[in-house]
Amino acid sequence: MANKTIKNCTLFLLCCLSFLCTSCFSEVDLGFPDRITFPKEGGEIVAAGNEPFSHAVIQDYKGNNGDLEFDKDSTKYNVYDWLKVENGDSFMEELKMYAAQILPVIG
């Protein structure tokens, strides 16, 4: 009887441990950084993630989305205001972003 109790307790503890270990590690934002800063001159930044994605959408705080545009070589981009994000035809693990130069407002 004591042997069965020890075996059941061990099984229960192993199950609890496996549930705790799997729930502790969650993927956030597919492994991409939560903040990317461009210099005033604009430019291109490539961010790498842990999980592949199929497309990216630019959205502001009010819920407005960017427009889908195509380049001469049929590369898809999502464009909104001064930011452009490249969208591939299949799953990608890198996010290419292009920012226009931010000009000072005069007047």
N, C-alpha and C. Protein backbone atom coordinates (compact mmCIF):
# COMPACT_ATOMS: atom_id res chain seq x y z
N MET A 1 0.82 -1.20 0.00
CA MET A 1 0.00 0.00 0.00
C MET A 1 0.86 1.26 0.00
N ALA A 2 1.91 1.29 0.82
CA ALA A 2 2.78 2.46 0.89
C ALA A 2 3.54 2.64 -0.43
N ASN A 3 3.90 1.53 -1.07
CA ASN A 3 4.61 1.59 -2.33
C ASN A 3 3.73 2.23 -3.42
N LYS A 4 2.44 1.91 -3.43
CA LYS A 4 1.50 2.47 -4.40
C LYS A 4 1.30 3.96 -4.15
N THR A 5 1.24 4.36 -2.91
CA THR A 5 1.08 5.77 -2.55
C THR A 5 2.30 6.58 -2.99
N ILE A 6 3.47 6.06 -2.77
CA ILE A 6 4.70 6.76 -3.20
C ILE A 6 4.74 6.87 -4.72
N LYS A 7 4.34 5.81 -5.40
CA LYS A 7 4.33 5.82 -6.86
C LYS A 7 3.33 6.85 -7.39
N ASN A 8 2.12 6.91 -6.79
CA ASN A 8 1.11 7.89 -7.21
C ASN A 8 1.55 9.32 -6.93
N CYS A 9 2.16 9.54 -5.77
CA CYS A 9 2.65 10.89 -5.43
C CYS A 9 3.76 11.32 -6.38
N THR A 10 4.65 10.41 -6.71
CA THR A 10 5.74 10.72 -7.65
C THR A 10 5.18 11.06 -9.02
N LEU A 11 4.21 10.27 -9.48
CA LEU A 11 3.58 10.54 -10.77
C LEU A 11 2.88 11.90 -10.77
N PHE A 12 2.17 12.20 -9.68
CA PHE A 12 1.49 13.49 -9.57
C PHE A 12 2.48 14.66 -9.58
N LEU A 13 3.57 14.54 -8.86
CA LEU A 13 4.57 15.60 -8.82
C LEU A 13 5.25 15.79 -10.18
N LEU A 14 5.51 14.70 -10.88
CA LEU A 14 6.11 14.81 -12.23
C LEU A 14 5.15 15.49 -13.21
N CYS A 15 3.87 15.18 -13.10
CA CYS A 15 2.88 15.85 -13.96
C CYS A 15 2.81 17.34 -13.64
N CYS A 16 2.79 17.67 -12.36
CA CYS A 16 2.76 19.10 -11.97
C CYS A 16 4.00 19.83 -12.46
N LEU A 17 5.15 19.21 -12.35
CA LEU A 17 6.39 19.83 -12.80
C LEU A 17 6.38 20.05 -14.30
N SER A 18 5.88 19.08 -15.05
CA SER A 18 5.84 19.25 -16.51
C SER A 18 4.88 20.37 -16.91
N PHE A 19 3.74 20.50 -16.23
CA PHE A 19 2.81 21.59 -16.52
C PHE A 19 3.42 22.94 -16.17
N LEU A 20 4.12 23.02 -15.07
CA LEU A 20 4.75 24.28 -14.68
C LEU A 20 5.85 24.68 -15.68
N CYS A 21 6.63 23.73 -16.13
CA CYS A 21 7.73 24.04 -17.05
C CYS A 21 7.21 24.49 -18.41
N THR A 22 6.12 23.89 -18.88
CA THR A 22 5.61 24.28 -20.20
C THR A 22 4.85 25.59 -20.15
N SER A 23 4.29 25.95 -19.03
CA SER A 23 3.53 27.19 -18.96
C SER A 23 4.41 28.40 -18.68
N CYS A 24 5.63 28.22 -18.26
CA CYS A 24 6.50 29.34 -17.91
C CYS A 24 7.07 30.04 -19.15
N PHE A 25 7.19 29.35 -20.23
CA PHE A 25 7.83 29.90 -21.41
C PHE A 25 6.78 30.19 -22.47
N SER A 26 6.46 31.46 -22.65
CA SER A 26 5.51 31.84 -23.69
C SER A 26 6.19 32.81 -24.65
N GLU A 27 5.89 32.65 -25.90
CA GLU A 27 6.48 33.49 -26.95
C GLU A 27 5.73 34.82 -26.99
N VAL A 28 6.44 35.92 -26.91
CA VAL A 28 5.84 37.25 -26.95
C VAL A 28 6.27 37.93 -28.24
N ASP A 29 5.30 38.39 -29.00
CA ASP A 29 5.56 39.11 -30.25
C ASP A 29 6.47 38.34 -31.19
N LEU A 30 6.34 37.01 -31.20
CA LEU A 30 7.12 36.13 -32.08
C LEU A 30 8.62 36.28 -31.88
N GLY A 31 9.04 36.84 -30.76
CA GLY A 31 10.45 37.00 -30.48
C GLY A 31 11.05 38.28 -31.02
N PHE A 32 10.25 39.14 -31.64
CA PHE A 32 10.73 40.42 -32.17
C PHE A 32 10.81 41.44 -31.05
N PRO A 33 11.70 42.44 -31.18
CA PRO A 33 11.79 43.47 -30.13
C PRO A 33 10.48 44.25 -30.03
N ASP A 34 10.16 44.71 -28.83
CA ASP A 34 8.91 45.45 -28.64
C ASP A 34 9.06 46.93 -28.99
N ARG A 35 10.29 47.40 -29.15
CA ARG A 35 10.51 48.81 -29.50
C ARG A 35 11.70 48.91 -30.44
N ILE A 36 11.51 49.65 -31.53
CA ILE A 36 12.59 49.91 -32.49
C ILE A 36 12.65 51.41 -32.71
N THR A 37 13.82 51.98 -32.62
CA THR A 37 13.98 53.43 -32.76
C THR A 37 14.81 53.74 -33.99
N PHE A 38 14.28 54.61 -34.84
CA PHE A 38 15.00 55.07 -36.03
C PHE A 38 15.65 56.42 -35.74
N PRO A 39 16.79 56.70 -36.36
CA PRO A 39 17.38 58.04 -36.22
C PRO A 39 16.58 59.05 -37.03
N LYS A 40 16.84 60.34 -36.83
CA LYS A 40 16.14 61.38 -37.56
C LYS A 40 16.34 61.28 -39.07
N GLU A 41 17.47 60.72 -39.47
CA GLU A 41 17.78 60.60 -40.89
C GLU A 41 16.97 59.49 -41.56
N GLY A 42 16.24 58.71 -40.79
CA GLY A 42 15.50 57.58 -41.34
C GLY A 42 16.44 56.42 -41.59
N GLY A 43 16.09 55.56 -42.52
CA GLY A 43 16.95 54.45 -42.87
C GLY A 43 16.23 53.12 -42.85
N GLU A 44 17.02 52.06 -42.83
CA GLU A 44 16.49 50.69 -42.88
C GLU A 44 16.95 49.93 -41.64
N ILE A 45 16.03 49.20 -41.05
CA ILE A 45 16.35 48.35 -39.90
C ILE A 45 15.77 46.97 -40.17
N VAL A 46 16.56 45.95 -39.91
CA VAL A 46 16.10 44.57 -40.03
C VAL A 46 16.07 43.97 -38.63
N ALA A 47 14.89 43.51 -38.22
CA ALA A 47 14.73 42.89 -36.91
C ALA A 47 14.46 41.40 -37.10
N ALA A 48 15.14 40.59 -36.31
CA ALA A 48 14.97 39.14 -36.39
C ALA A 48 14.10 38.66 -35.24
N GLY A 49 13.30 37.62 -35.51
CA GLY A 49 12.45 37.04 -34.50
C GLY A 49 12.71 35.56 -34.35
N ASN A 50 11.97 34.94 -33.47
CA ASN A 50 12.12 33.50 -33.22
C ASN A 50 11.14 32.66 -34.01
N GLU A 51 10.03 33.25 -34.42
CA GLU A 51 8.98 32.53 -35.13
C GLU A 51 8.71 33.19 -36.48
N PRO A 52 8.44 32.42 -37.52
CA PRO A 52 8.13 33.02 -38.82
C PRO A 52 6.74 33.64 -38.83
N PHE A 53 6.55 34.65 -39.69
CA PHE A 53 5.26 35.30 -39.85
C PHE A 53 4.99 35.45 -41.34
N SER A 54 3.76 35.69 -41.72
CA SER A 54 3.41 35.76 -43.13
C SER A 54 3.26 37.19 -43.65
N HIS A 55 2.81 38.12 -42.84
CA HIS A 55 2.69 39.50 -43.27
C HIS A 55 2.68 40.43 -42.06
N ALA A 56 2.98 41.68 -42.31
CA ALA A 56 2.99 42.69 -41.25
C ALA A 56 2.05 43.82 -41.64
N VAL A 57 1.41 44.39 -40.66
CA VAL A 57 0.48 45.49 -40.88
C VAL A 57 0.91 46.64 -39.99
N ILE A 58 0.89 47.85 -40.55
CA ILE A 58 1.18 49.05 -39.76
C ILE A 58 -0.16 49.63 -39.32
N GLN A 59 -0.28 49.90 -38.02
CA GLN A 59 -1.52 50.44 -37.49
C GLN A 59 -1.19 51.49 -36.44
N ASP A 60 -1.88 52.64 -36.50
CA ASP A 60 -1.63 53.67 -35.50
C ASP A 60 -2.54 53.45 -34.29
N TYR A 61 -2.43 54.35 -33.31
CA TYR A 61 -3.18 54.19 -32.07
C TYR A 61 -4.68 54.35 -32.25
N LYS A 62 -5.10 54.98 -33.34
CA LYS A 62 -6.52 55.18 -33.60
C LYS A 62 -7.13 54.03 -34.41
N GLY A 63 -6.31 53.06 -34.81
CA GLY A 63 -6.82 51.92 -35.57
C GLY A 63 -6.70 52.07 -37.08
N ASN A 64 -6.08 53.15 -37.55
CA ASN A 64 -5.90 53.35 -39.00
C ASN A 64 -4.79 52.43 -39.49
N ASN A 65 -5.02 51.75 -40.62
CA ASN A 65 -4.04 50.83 -41.19
C ASN A 65 -3.31 51.46 -42.36
N GLY A 66 -2.13 50.93 -42.65
CA GLY A 66 -1.38 51.35 -43.82
C GLY A 66 -1.93 50.74 -45.09
N ASP A 67 -1.41 51.16 -46.21
CA ASP A 67 -1.84 50.68 -47.52
C ASP A 67 -0.85 49.65 -48.04
N LEU A 68 -1.33 48.72 -48.83
CA LEU A 68 -0.49 47.72 -49.46
C LEU A 68 0.00 48.26 -50.79
N GLU A 69 1.32 48.28 -50.99
CA GLU A 69 1.93 48.77 -52.23
C GLU A 69 2.87 47.71 -52.78
N PHE A 70 3.11 47.77 -54.10
CA PHE A 70 4.00 46.83 -54.75
C PHE A 70 5.15 47.58 -55.40
N ASP A 71 6.34 47.02 -55.33
CA ASP A 71 7.53 47.58 -55.94
C ASP A 71 7.63 47.08 -57.38
N LYS A 72 8.62 47.58 -58.11
CA LYS A 72 8.81 47.17 -59.50
C LYS A 72 9.05 45.67 -59.63
N ASP A 73 9.74 45.09 -58.65
CA ASP A 73 10.02 43.65 -58.69
C ASP A 73 8.95 42.83 -57.95
N SER A 74 7.75 43.40 -57.81
CA SER A 74 6.57 42.80 -57.18
C SER A 74 6.76 42.46 -55.70
N THR A 75 7.67 43.15 -55.01
CA THR A 75 7.80 43.02 -53.57
C THR A 75 6.66 43.79 -52.92
N LYS A 76 5.99 43.18 -51.95
CA LYS A 76 4.87 43.81 -51.27
C LYS A 76 5.37 44.61 -50.07
N TYR A 77 4.77 45.77 -49.87
CA TYR A 77 5.08 46.62 -48.72
C TYR A 77 3.79 47.10 -48.10
N ASN A 78 3.79 47.26 -46.79
CA ASN A 78 2.72 47.94 -46.10
C ASN A 78 3.26 49.32 -45.75
N VAL A 79 2.59 50.37 -46.20
CA VAL A 79 3.10 51.73 -46.06
C VAL A 79 2.08 52.58 -45.30
N TYR A 80 2.59 53.30 -44.31
CA TYR A 80 1.74 54.23 -43.57
C TYR A 80 2.59 55.41 -43.14
N ASP A 81 2.20 56.60 -43.59
CA ASP A 81 2.88 57.84 -43.24
C ASP A 81 4.37 57.76 -43.61
N TRP A 82 5.29 57.71 -42.67
CA TRP A 82 6.72 57.72 -42.94
C TRP A 82 7.36 56.35 -42.81
N LEU A 83 6.57 55.31 -42.52
CA LEU A 83 7.10 53.97 -42.29
C LEU A 83 6.67 53.00 -43.38
N LYS A 84 7.58 52.13 -43.79
CA LYS A 84 7.30 51.11 -44.80
C LYS A 84 7.85 49.79 -44.29
N VAL A 85 7.04 48.72 -44.37
CA VAL A 85 7.42 47.39 -43.90
C VAL A 85 7.30 46.42 -45.06
N GLU A 86 8.35 45.62 -45.27
CA GLU A 86 8.36 44.66 -46.37
C GLU A 86 7.57 43.41 -45.98
N ASN A 87 6.72 42.96 -46.88
CA ASN A 87 5.95 41.72 -46.71
C ASN A 87 6.37 40.74 -47.78
N GLY A 88 6.81 39.57 -47.40
CA GLY A 88 7.22 38.55 -48.36
C GLY A 88 6.04 37.74 -48.86
N ASP A 89 6.31 36.83 -49.80
CA ASP A 89 5.27 35.96 -50.32
C ASP A 89 5.06 34.73 -49.46
N SER A 90 6.01 34.42 -48.61
CA SER A 90 5.89 33.25 -47.74
C SER A 90 6.28 33.66 -46.32
N PHE A 91 6.42 32.70 -45.45
CA PHE A 91 6.76 32.99 -44.06
C PHE A 91 8.20 33.49 -43.94
N MET A 92 8.40 34.54 -43.14
CA MET A 92 9.70 35.15 -42.95
C MET A 92 10.02 35.20 -41.46
N GLU A 93 11.31 35.24 -41.14
CA GLU A 93 11.74 35.39 -39.74
C GLU A 93 12.44 36.73 -39.52
N GLU A 94 12.55 37.54 -40.57
CA GLU A 94 13.13 38.87 -40.46
C GLU A 94 12.11 39.90 -40.91
N LEU A 95 12.09 41.02 -40.23
CA LEU A 95 11.19 42.11 -40.53
C LEU A 95 12.02 43.29 -41.01
N LYS A 96 11.85 43.66 -42.29
CA LYS A 96 12.59 44.80 -42.85
C LYS A 96 11.69 46.02 -42.82
N MET A 97 12.21 47.08 -42.16
CA MET A 97 11.45 48.32 -42.02
C MET A 97 12.26 49.48 -42.57
N TYR A 98 11.57 50.38 -43.23
CA TYR A 98 12.21 51.55 -43.83
C TYR A 98 11.49 52.79 -43.31
N ALA A 99 12.26 53.76 -42.84
CA ALA A 99 11.69 55.00 -42.34
C ALA A 99 12.20 56.15 -43.18
N ALA A 100 11.31 57.08 -43.50
CA ALA A 100 11.69 58.28 -44.23
C ALA A 100 12.34 59.26 -43.26
N GLN A 101 13.09 60.19 -43.81
CA GLN A 101 13.72 61.21 -42.99
C GLN A 101 12.64 62.10 -42.40
N ILE A 102 12.75 62.39 -41.12
CA ILE A 102 11.78 63.25 -40.46
C ILE A 102 12.24 64.68 -40.59
N LEU A 103 11.48 65.47 -41.32
CA LEU A 103 11.84 66.87 -41.57
C LEU A 103 11.23 67.76 -40.51
N PRO A 104 11.94 68.81 -40.12
CA PRO A 104 11.38 69.73 -39.10
C PRO A 104 10.20 70.51 -39.68
N VAL A 105 9.25 70.80 -38.83
CA VAL A 105 8.09 71.59 -39.22
C VAL A 105 8.45 73.05 -39.06
N ILE A 106 8.29 73.82 -40.15
CA ILE A 106 8.64 75.26 -40.13
C ILE A 106 7.33 76.04 -40.22
N GLY A 107 7.18 77.01 -39.35
CA GLY A 107 6.03 77.89 -39.46
C GLY A 107 5.14 77.71 -38.36
